[in-house]
């Protein structure tokens, strides 16, 4: 039997890398139709939110556009 040369206080720790289990985990349950619909709805909502933020945010970030009318206060116009 192969032994490690390092000192290990417990023998099961030294042999843990060679241990293989013969127990297989149970198969994963498939998602139901309502769970799939909910996941797709959440995904579509997130994509729509990102698209909407780009749609409304990009015009605000545009720096090359100049305003067509000058913004002056009403107090300066009544002098």
PDB file of N, CA and C in Angstrom:
ATOM      1  N   UNK A   1       0.835  -1.175   0.000  1.00  0.00           N
ATOM      2  CA  UNK A   1       0.000   0.000   0.000  1.00  0.00           C
ATOM      3  C   UNK A   1       0.876   1.233   0.000  1.00  0.00           C
ATOM      4  N   UNK A   2       0.514   2.203  -0.848  1.00  0.00           N
ATOM      5  CA  UNK A   2       1.289   3.425  -0.994  1.00  0.00           C
ATOM      6  C   UNK A   2       1.070   4.345   0.196  1.00  0.00           C
ATOM      7  N   UNK A   3       2.119   4.845   0.763  1.00  0.00           N
ATOM      8  CA  UNK A   3       2.040   5.797   1.876  1.00  0.00           C
ATOM      9  C   UNK A   3       2.702   7.104   1.479  1.00  0.00           C
ATOM     10  N   UNK A   4       2.168   8.193   1.946  1.00  0.00           N
ATOM     11  CA  UNK A   4       2.789   9.496   1.722  1.00  0.00           C
ATOM     12  C   UNK A   4       3.966   9.681   2.656  1.00  0.00           C
ATOM     13  N   UNK A   5       4.880  10.501   2.242  1.00  0.00           N
ATOM     14  CA  UNK A   5       6.049  10.765   3.072  1.00  0.00           C
ATOM     15  C   UNK A   5       5.812  11.900   4.039  1.00  0.00           C
ATOM     16  N   UNK A   6       4.779  12.762   3.767  1.00  0.00           N
ATOM     17  CA  UNK A   6       4.474  13.846   4.701  1.00  0.00           C
ATOM     18  C   UNK A   6       3.811  13.269   5.937  1.00  0.00           C
ATOM     19  N   UNK A   7       4.020  13.960   7.018  1.00  0.00           N
ATOM     20  CA  UNK A   7       3.368  13.501   8.242  1.00  0.00           C
ATOM     21  C   UNK A   7       1.958  14.075   8.293  1.00  0.00           C
ATOM     22  N   UNK A   8       0.993  13.209   8.364  1.00  0.00           N
ATOM     23  CA  UNK A   8      -0.409  13.596   8.437  1.00  0.00           C
ATOM     24  C   UNK A   8      -0.971  12.980   9.699  1.00  0.00           C
ATOM     25  N   UNK A   9      -1.632  13.777  10.531  1.00  0.00           N
ATOM     26  CA  UNK A   9      -2.085  13.232  11.809  1.00  0.00           C
ATOM     27  C   UNK A   9      -3.139  12.144  11.690  1.00  0.00           C
ATOM     28  N   UNK A  10      -3.934  12.168  10.639  1.00  0.00           N
ATOM     29  CA  UNK A  10      -4.981  11.164  10.488  1.00  0.00           C
ATOM     30  C   UNK A  10      -4.786  10.439   9.170  1.00  0.00           C
ATOM     31  N   UNK A  11      -4.881   9.141   9.185  1.00  0.00           N
ATOM     32  CA  UNK A  11      -4.632   8.378   7.970  1.00  0.00           C
ATOM     33  C   UNK A  11      -5.729   8.568   6.936  1.00  0.00           C
ATOM     34  N   UNK A  12      -6.982   8.823   7.367  1.00  0.00           N
ATOM     35  CA  UNK A  12      -8.052   8.991   6.384  1.00  0.00           C
ATOM     36  C   UNK A  12      -7.879  10.277   5.591  1.00  0.00           C
ATOM     37  N   UNK A  13      -7.191  11.276   6.145  1.00  0.00           N
ATOM     38  CA  UNK A  13      -6.936  12.497   5.392  1.00  0.00           C
ATOM     39  C   UNK A  13      -5.935  12.212   4.284  1.00  0.00           C
ATOM     40  N   UNK A  14      -4.937  11.397   4.567  1.00  0.00           N
ATOM     41  CA  UNK A  14      -3.926  11.074   3.567  1.00  0.00           C
ATOM     42  C   UNK A  14      -4.502  10.238   2.440  1.00  0.00           C
ATOM     43  N   UNK A  15      -5.478   9.409   2.711  1.00  0.00           N
ATOM     44  CA  UNK A  15      -6.040   8.543   1.692  1.00  0.00           C
ATOM     45  C   UNK A  15      -7.330   9.101   1.095  1.00  0.00           C
ATOM     46  N   UNK A  16      -7.704  10.330   1.434  1.00  0.00           N
ATOM     47  CA  UNK A  16      -8.971  10.890   0.976  1.00  0.00           C
ATOM     48  C   UNK A  16      -8.980  11.157  -0.515  1.00  0.00           C
ATOM     49  N   UNK A  17      -7.821  11.447  -1.115  1.00  0.00           N
ATOM     50  CA  UNK A  17      -7.819  11.739  -2.542  1.00  0.00           C
ATOM     51  C   UNK A  17      -8.035  10.501  -3.396  1.00  0.00           C
ATOM     52  N   UNK A  18      -7.862   9.330  -2.845  1.00  0.00           N
ATOM     53  CA  UNK A  18      -8.072   8.091  -3.590  1.00  0.00           C
ATOM     54  C   UNK A  18      -9.461   7.514  -3.382  1.00  0.00           C
ATOM     55  N   UNK A  19     -10.245   8.076  -2.487  1.00  0.00           N
ATOM     56  CA  UNK A  19     -11.557   7.515  -2.174  1.00  0.00           C
ATOM     57  C   UNK A  19     -12.545   7.802  -3.297  1.00  0.00           C
ATOM     58  N   UNK A  20     -13.242   6.794  -3.732  1.00  0.00           N
ATOM     59  CA  UNK A  20     -14.281   6.923  -4.736  1.00  0.00           C
ATOM     60  C   UNK A  20     -15.572   6.346  -4.179  1.00  0.00           C
ATOM     61  N   UNK A  21     -16.627   7.092  -4.301  1.00  0.00           N
ATOM     62  CA  UNK A  21     -17.903   6.630  -3.801  1.00  0.00           C
ATOM     63  C   UNK A  21     -18.610   5.804  -4.864  1.00  0.00           C
ATOM     64  N   UNK A  22     -19.303   4.789  -4.442  1.00  0.00           N
ATOM     65  CA  UNK A  22     -20.094   4.000  -5.383  1.00  0.00           C
ATOM     66  C   UNK A  22     -21.571   4.388  -5.323  1.00  0.00           C
ATOM     67  N   UNK A  23     -21.880   5.459  -4.607  1.00  0.00           N
ATOM     68  CA  UNK A  23     -23.261   5.935  -4.495  1.00  0.00           C
ATOM     69  C   UNK A  23     -23.455   7.062  -5.490  1.00  0.00           C
ATOM     70  N   UNK A  24     -24.415   6.909  -6.373  1.00  0.00           N
ATOM     71  CA  UNK A  24     -24.686   7.952  -7.352  1.00  0.00           C
ATOM     72  C   UNK A  24     -25.763   8.885  -6.802  1.00  0.00           C
ATOM     73  N   UNK A  25     -25.627  10.170  -7.039  1.00  0.00           N
ATOM     74  CA  UNK A  25     -26.663  11.088  -6.566  1.00  0.00           C
ATOM     75  C   UNK A  25     -27.945  10.900  -7.362  1.00  0.00           C
ATOM     76  N   UNK A  26     -29.071  11.272  -6.784  1.00  0.00           N
ATOM     77  CA  UNK A  26     -30.338  11.124  -7.519  1.00  0.00           C
ATOM     78  C   UNK A  26     -30.370  12.076  -8.713  1.00  0.00           C
ATOM     79  N   UNK A  27     -31.090  11.720  -9.758  1.00  0.00           N
ATOM     80  CA  UNK A  27     -31.155  12.604 -10.929  1.00  0.00           C
ATOM     81  C   UNK A  27     -31.892  13.903 -10.591  1.00  0.00           C
ATOM     82  N   UNK A  28     -31.498  14.970 -11.286  1.00  0.00           N
ATOM     83  CA  UNK A  28     -32.130  16.259 -11.047  1.00  0.00           C
ATOM     84  C   UNK A  28     -33.560  16.253 -11.579  1.00  0.00           C
ATOM     85  N   UNK A  29     -34.430  16.918 -10.828  1.00  0.00           N
ATOM     86  CA  UNK A  29     -35.813  17.010 -11.275  1.00  0.00           C
ATOM     87  C   UNK A  29     -35.915  18.052 -12.370  1.00  0.00           C
ATOM     88  N   UNK A  30     -36.735  17.772 -13.357  1.00  0.00           N
ATOM     89  CA  UNK A  30     -36.931  18.726 -14.449  1.00  0.00           C
ATOM     90  C   UNK A  30     -37.843  19.847 -13.987  1.00  0.00           C
ATOM     91  N   UNK A  31     -37.606  21.021 -14.499  1.00  0.00           N
ATOM     92  CA  UNK A  31     -38.427  22.172 -14.139  1.00  0.00           C
ATOM     93  C   UNK A  31     -39.812  22.036 -14.768  1.00  0.00           C
ATOM     94  N   UNK A  32     -40.813  22.473 -14.019  1.00  0.00           N
ATOM     95  CA  UNK A  32     -42.175  22.396 -14.537  1.00  0.00           C
ATOM     96  C   UNK A  32     -42.407  23.532 -15.537  1.00  0.00           C
ATOM     97  N   UNK A  33     -43.542  23.487 -16.195  1.00  0.00           N
ATOM     98  CA  UNK A  33     -43.859  24.518 -17.186  1.00  0.00           C
ATOM     99  C   UNK A  33     -44.011  25.886 -16.543  1.00  0.00           C
ATOM    100  N   UNK A  34     -44.583  25.924 -15.348  1.00  0.00           N
ATOM    101  CA  UNK A  34     -44.746  27.215 -14.688  1.00  0.00           C
ATOM    102  C   UNK A  34     -43.390  27.792 -14.265  1.00  0.00           C
ATOM    103  N   UNK A  35     -42.456  26.924 -13.854  1.00  0.00           N
ATOM    104  CA  UNK A  35     -41.123  27.410 -13.502  1.00  0.00           C
ATOM    105  C   UNK A  35     -40.387  27.908 -14.735  1.00  0.00           C
ATOM    106  N   UNK A  36     -40.507  27.203 -15.844  1.00  0.00           N
ATOM    107  CA  UNK A  36     -39.880  27.664 -17.078  1.00  0.00           C
ATOM    108  C   UNK A  36     -40.479  28.988 -17.538  1.00  0.00           C
ATOM    109  N   UNK A  37     -41.803  29.122 -17.431  1.00  0.00           N
ATOM    110  CA  UNK A  37     -42.457  30.366 -17.828  1.00  0.00           C
ATOM    111  C   UNK A  37     -42.007  31.521 -16.926  1.00  0.00           C
ATOM    112  N   UNK A  38     -41.883  31.259 -15.638  1.00  0.00           N
ATOM    113  CA  UNK A  38     -41.450  32.310 -14.722  1.00  0.00           C
ATOM    114  C   UNK A  38     -40.014  32.732 -15.002  1.00  0.00           C
ATOM    115  N   UNK A  39     -39.146  31.773 -15.267  1.00  0.00           N
ATOM    116  CA  UNK A  39     -37.749  32.101 -15.573  1.00  0.00           C
ATOM    117  C   UNK A  39     -37.642  32.909 -16.855  1.00  0.00           C
ATOM    118  N   UNK A  40     -38.411  32.516 -17.883  1.00  0.00           N
ATOM    119  CA  UNK A  40     -38.344  33.255 -19.138  1.00  0.00           C
ATOM    120  C   UNK A  40     -38.945  34.649 -18.978  1.00  0.00           C
ATOM    121  N   UNK A  41     -39.984  34.787 -18.157  1.00  0.00           N
ATOM    122  CA  UNK A  41     -40.573  36.101 -17.928  1.00  0.00           C
ATOM    123  C   UNK A  41     -39.609  37.026 -17.188  1.00  0.00           C
ATOM    124  N   UNK A  42     -38.896  36.492 -16.222  1.00  0.00           N
ATOM    125  CA  UNK A  42     -37.901  37.295 -15.513  1.00  0.00           C
ATOM    126  C   UNK A  42     -36.789  37.703 -16.473  1.00  0.00           C
ATOM    127  N   UNK A  43     -36.344  36.796 -17.310  1.00  0.00           N
ATOM    128  CA  UNK A  43     -35.300  37.109 -18.285  1.00  0.00           C
ATOM    129  C   UNK A  43     -35.734  38.171 -19.275  1.00  0.00           C
ATOM    130  N   UNK A  44     -36.961  38.040 -19.782  1.00  0.00           N
ATOM    131  CA  UNK A  44     -37.467  39.038 -20.719  1.00  0.00           C
ATOM    132  C   UNK A  44     -37.637  40.400 -20.057  1.00  0.00           C
ATOM    133  N   UNK A  45     -38.044  40.410 -18.792  1.00  0.00           N
ATOM    134  CA  UNK A  45     -38.188  41.673 -18.072  1.00  0.00           C
ATOM    135  C   UNK A  45     -36.836  42.357 -17.898  1.00  0.00           C
ATOM    136  N   UNK A  46     -35.815  41.577 -17.597  1.00  0.00           N
ATOM    137  CA  UNK A  46     -34.481  42.162 -17.438  1.00  0.00           C
ATOM    138  C   UNK A  46     -33.950  42.701 -18.763  1.00  0.00           C
ATOM    139  N   UNK A  47     -34.151  41.960 -19.845  1.00  0.00           N
ATOM    140  CA  UNK A  47     -33.696  42.425 -21.156  1.00  0.00           C
ATOM    141  C   UNK A  47     -34.449  43.686 -21.559  1.00  0.00           C
ATOM    142  N   UNK A  48     -35.742  43.730 -21.294  1.00  0.00           N
ATOM    143  CA  UNK A  48     -36.523  44.916 -21.627  1.00  0.00           C
ATOM    144  C   UNK A  48     -36.077  46.112 -20.781  1.00  0.00           C
ATOM    145  N   UNK A  49     -35.718  45.876 -19.538  1.00  0.00           N
ATOM    146  CA  UNK A  49     -35.223  46.962 -18.697  1.00  0.00           C
ATOM    147  C   UNK A  49     -33.913  47.530 -19.198  1.00  0.00           C
ATOM    148  N   UNK A  50     -33.002  46.646 -19.602  1.00  0.00           N
ATOM    149  CA  UNK A  50     -31.732  47.120 -20.160  1.00  0.00           C
ATOM    150  C   UNK A  50     -31.946  47.875 -21.467  1.00  0.00           C
ATOM    151  N   UNK A  51     -32.821  47.360 -22.319  1.00  0.00           N
ATOM    152  CA  UNK A  51     -33.086  48.031 -23.589  1.00  0.00           C
ATOM    153  C   UNK A  51     -33.751  49.389 -23.356  1.00  0.00           C
ATOM    154  N   UNK A  52     -34.663  49.456 -22.398  1.00  0.00           N
ATOM    155  CA  UNK A  52     -35.310  50.730 -22.091  1.00  0.00           C
ATOM    156  C   UNK A  52     -34.348  51.735 -21.503  1.00  0.00           C
ATOM    157  N   UNK A  53     -33.433  51.279 -20.661  1.00  0.00           N
ATOM    158  CA  UNK A  53     -32.468  52.216 -20.095  1.00  0.00           C
ATOM    159  C   UNK A  53     -31.534  52.752 -21.167  1.00  0.00           C
ATOM    160  N   UNK A  54     -31.180  51.911 -22.135  1.00  0.00           N
ATOM    161  CA  UNK A  54     -30.377  52.406 -23.250  1.00  0.00           C
ATOM    162  C   UNK A  54     -31.166  53.363 -24.123  1.00  0.00           C
ATOM    163  N   UNK A  55     -32.425  53.038 -24.362  1.00  0.00           N
ATOM    164  CA  UNK A  55     -33.258  53.878 -25.213  1.00  0.00           C
ATOM    165  C   UNK A  55     -33.434  55.270 -24.628  1.00  0.00           C
ATOM    166  N   UNK A  56     -33.669  55.350 -23.323  1.00  0.00           N
ATOM    167  CA  UNK A  56     -33.878  56.651 -22.695  1.00  0.00           C
ATOM    168  C   UNK A  56     -32.585  57.299 -22.226  1.00  0.00           C
ATOM    169  N   UNK A  57     -31.530  56.515 -22.031  1.00  0.00           N
ATOM    170  CA  UNK A  57     -30.295  57.073 -21.506  1.00  0.00           C
ATOM    171  C   UNK A  57     -29.362  57.618 -22.558  1.00  0.00           C
ATOM    172  N   UNK A  58     -29.354  57.043 -23.752  1.00  0.00           N
ATOM    173  CA  UNK A  58     -28.428  57.503 -24.777  1.00  0.00           C
ATOM    174  C   UNK A  58     -28.696  58.935 -25.241  1.00  0.00           C
ATOM    175  N   UNK A  59     -29.920  59.370 -25.440  1.00  0.00           N
ATOM    176  CA  UNK A  59     -30.114  60.776 -25.809  1.00  0.00           C
ATOM    177  C   UNK A  59     -29.632  61.745 -24.720  1.00  0.00           C
ATOM    178  N   UNK A  60     -29.712  61.363 -23.488  1.00  0.00           N
ATOM    179  CA  UNK A  60     -29.245  62.236 -22.418  1.00  0.00           C
ATOM    180  C   UNK A  60     -27.728  62.319 -22.390  1.00  0.00           C
ATOM    181  N   UNK A  61     -27.042  61.300 -22.897  1.00  0.00           N
ATOM    182  CA  UNK A  61     -25.584  61.290 -22.907  1.00  0.00           C
ATOM    183  C   UNK A  61     -24.995  61.903 -24.170  1.00  0.00           C
ATOM    184  N   UNK A  62     -25.833  62.254 -25.119  1.00  0.00           N
ATOM    185  CA  UNK A  62     -25.346  62.827 -26.372  1.00  0.00           C
ATOM    186  C   UNK A  62     -24.857  64.245 -26.115  1.00  0.00           C
ATOM    187  N   UNK A  63     -23.582  64.514 -26.409  1.00  0.00           N
ATOM    188  CA  UNK A  63     -23.000  65.839 -26.123  1.00  0.00           C
ATOM    189  C   UNK A  63     -22.910  66.711 -27.358  1.00  0.00           C
ATOM    190  N   UNK A  64     -23.090  66.161 -28.551  1.00  0.00           N
ATOM    191  CA  UNK A  64     -22.932  66.953 -29.771  1.00  0.00           C
ATOM    192  C   UNK A  64     -24.191  67.706 -30.155  1.00  0.00           C
ATOM    193  N   UNK A  65     -25.295  67.362 -29.585  1.00  0.00           N
ATOM    194  CA  UNK A  65     -26.545  68.029 -29.927  1.00  0.00           C
ATOM    195  C   UNK A  65     -26.612  69.376 -29.221  1.00  0.00           C
ATOM    196  N   UNK A  66     -26.962  70.403 -29.987  1.00  0.00           N
ATOM    197  CA  UNK A  66     -27.129  71.730 -29.392  1.00  0.00           C
ATOM    198  C   UNK A  66     -28.608  72.015 -29.292  1.00  0.00           C
ATOM    199  N   UNK A  67     -29.034  72.674 -28.240  1.00  0.00           N
ATOM    200  CA  UNK A  67     -30.468  72.979 -28.116  1.00  0.00           C
ATOM    201  C   UNK A  67     -30.899  73.970 -29.194  1.00  0.00           C
ATOM    202  N   UNK A  68     -32.078  73.756 -29.768  1.00  0.00           N
ATOM    203  CA  UNK A  68     -32.558  74.612 -30.855  1.00  0.00           C
ATOM    204  C   UNK A  68     -33.057  75.954 -30.345  1.00  0.00           C
ATOM    205  N   UNK A  69     -33.488  76.013 -29.108  1.00  0.00           N
ATOM    206  CA  UNK A  69     -33.918  77.290 -28.537  1.00  0.00           C
ATOM    207  C   UNK A  69     -33.102  77.552 -27.286  1.00  0.00           C
ATOM    208  N   UNK A  70     -32.853  78.796 -27.068  1.00  0.00           N
ATOM    209  CA  UNK A  70     -32.064  79.139 -25.883  1.00  0.00           C
ATOM    210  C   UNK A  70     -32.974  79.174 -24.671  1.00  0.00           C
ATOM    211  N   UNK A  71     -32.461  78.701 -23.576  1.00  0.00           N
ATOM    212  CA  UNK A  71     -33.254  78.676 -22.355  1.00  0.00           C
ATOM    213  C   UNK A  71     -32.949  79.928 -21.548  1.00  0.00           C
ATOM    214  N   UNK A  72     -33.909  80.807 -21.509  1.00  0.00           N
ATOM    215  CA  UNK A  72     -33.765  82.025 -20.708  1.00  0.00           C
ATOM    216  C   UNK A  72     -34.894  82.064 -19.703  1.00  0.00           C
ATOM    217  N   UNK A  73     -34.636  82.677 -18.605  1.00  0.00           N
ATOM    218  CA  UNK A  73     -35.673  82.745 -17.582  1.00  0.00           C
ATOM    219  C   UNK A  73     -36.688  83.801 -17.921  1.00  0.00           C
ATOM    220  N   UNK A  74     -37.880  83.680 -17.379  1.00  0.00           N
ATOM    221  CA  UNK A  74     -38.938  84.644 -17.647  1.00  0.00           C
ATOM    222  C   UNK A  74     -38.622  85.994 -17.024  1.00  0.00           C
ATOM    223  N   UNK A  75     -37.874  86.021 -15.950  1.00  0.00           N
ATOM    224  CA  UNK A  75     -37.551  87.292 -15.303  1.00  0.00           C
ATOM    225  C   UNK A  75     -36.665  88.151 -16.192  1.00  0.00           C
ATOM    226  N   UNK A  76     -35.771  87.560 -16.957  1.00  0.00           N
ATOM    227  CA  UNK A  76     -34.896  88.355 -17.833  1.00  0.00           C
ATOM    228  C   UNK A  76     -35.647  88.833 -19.059  1.00  0.00           C
ATOM    229  N   UNK A  77     -36.738  88.195 -19.447  1.00  0.00           N
ATOM    230  CA  UNK A  77     -37.500  88.618 -20.617  1.00  0.00           C
ATOM    231  C   UNK A  77     -38.422  89.802 -20.298  1.00  0.00           C
ATOM    232  N   UNK A  78     -38.783  90.003 -19.048  1.00  0.00           N
ATOM    233  CA  UNK A  78     -39.759  91.051 -18.695  1.00  0.00           C
ATOM    234  C   UNK A  78     -39.079  92.355 -18.317  1.00  0.00           C
ATOM    235  N   UNK A  79     -37.840  92.538 -18.506  1.00  0.00           N
ATOM    236  CA  UNK A  79     -37.184  93.798 -18.147  1.00  0.00           C
ATOM    237  C   UNK A  79     -37.523  94.912 -19.056  1.00  0.00           C
TER     238      UNK A  79
END
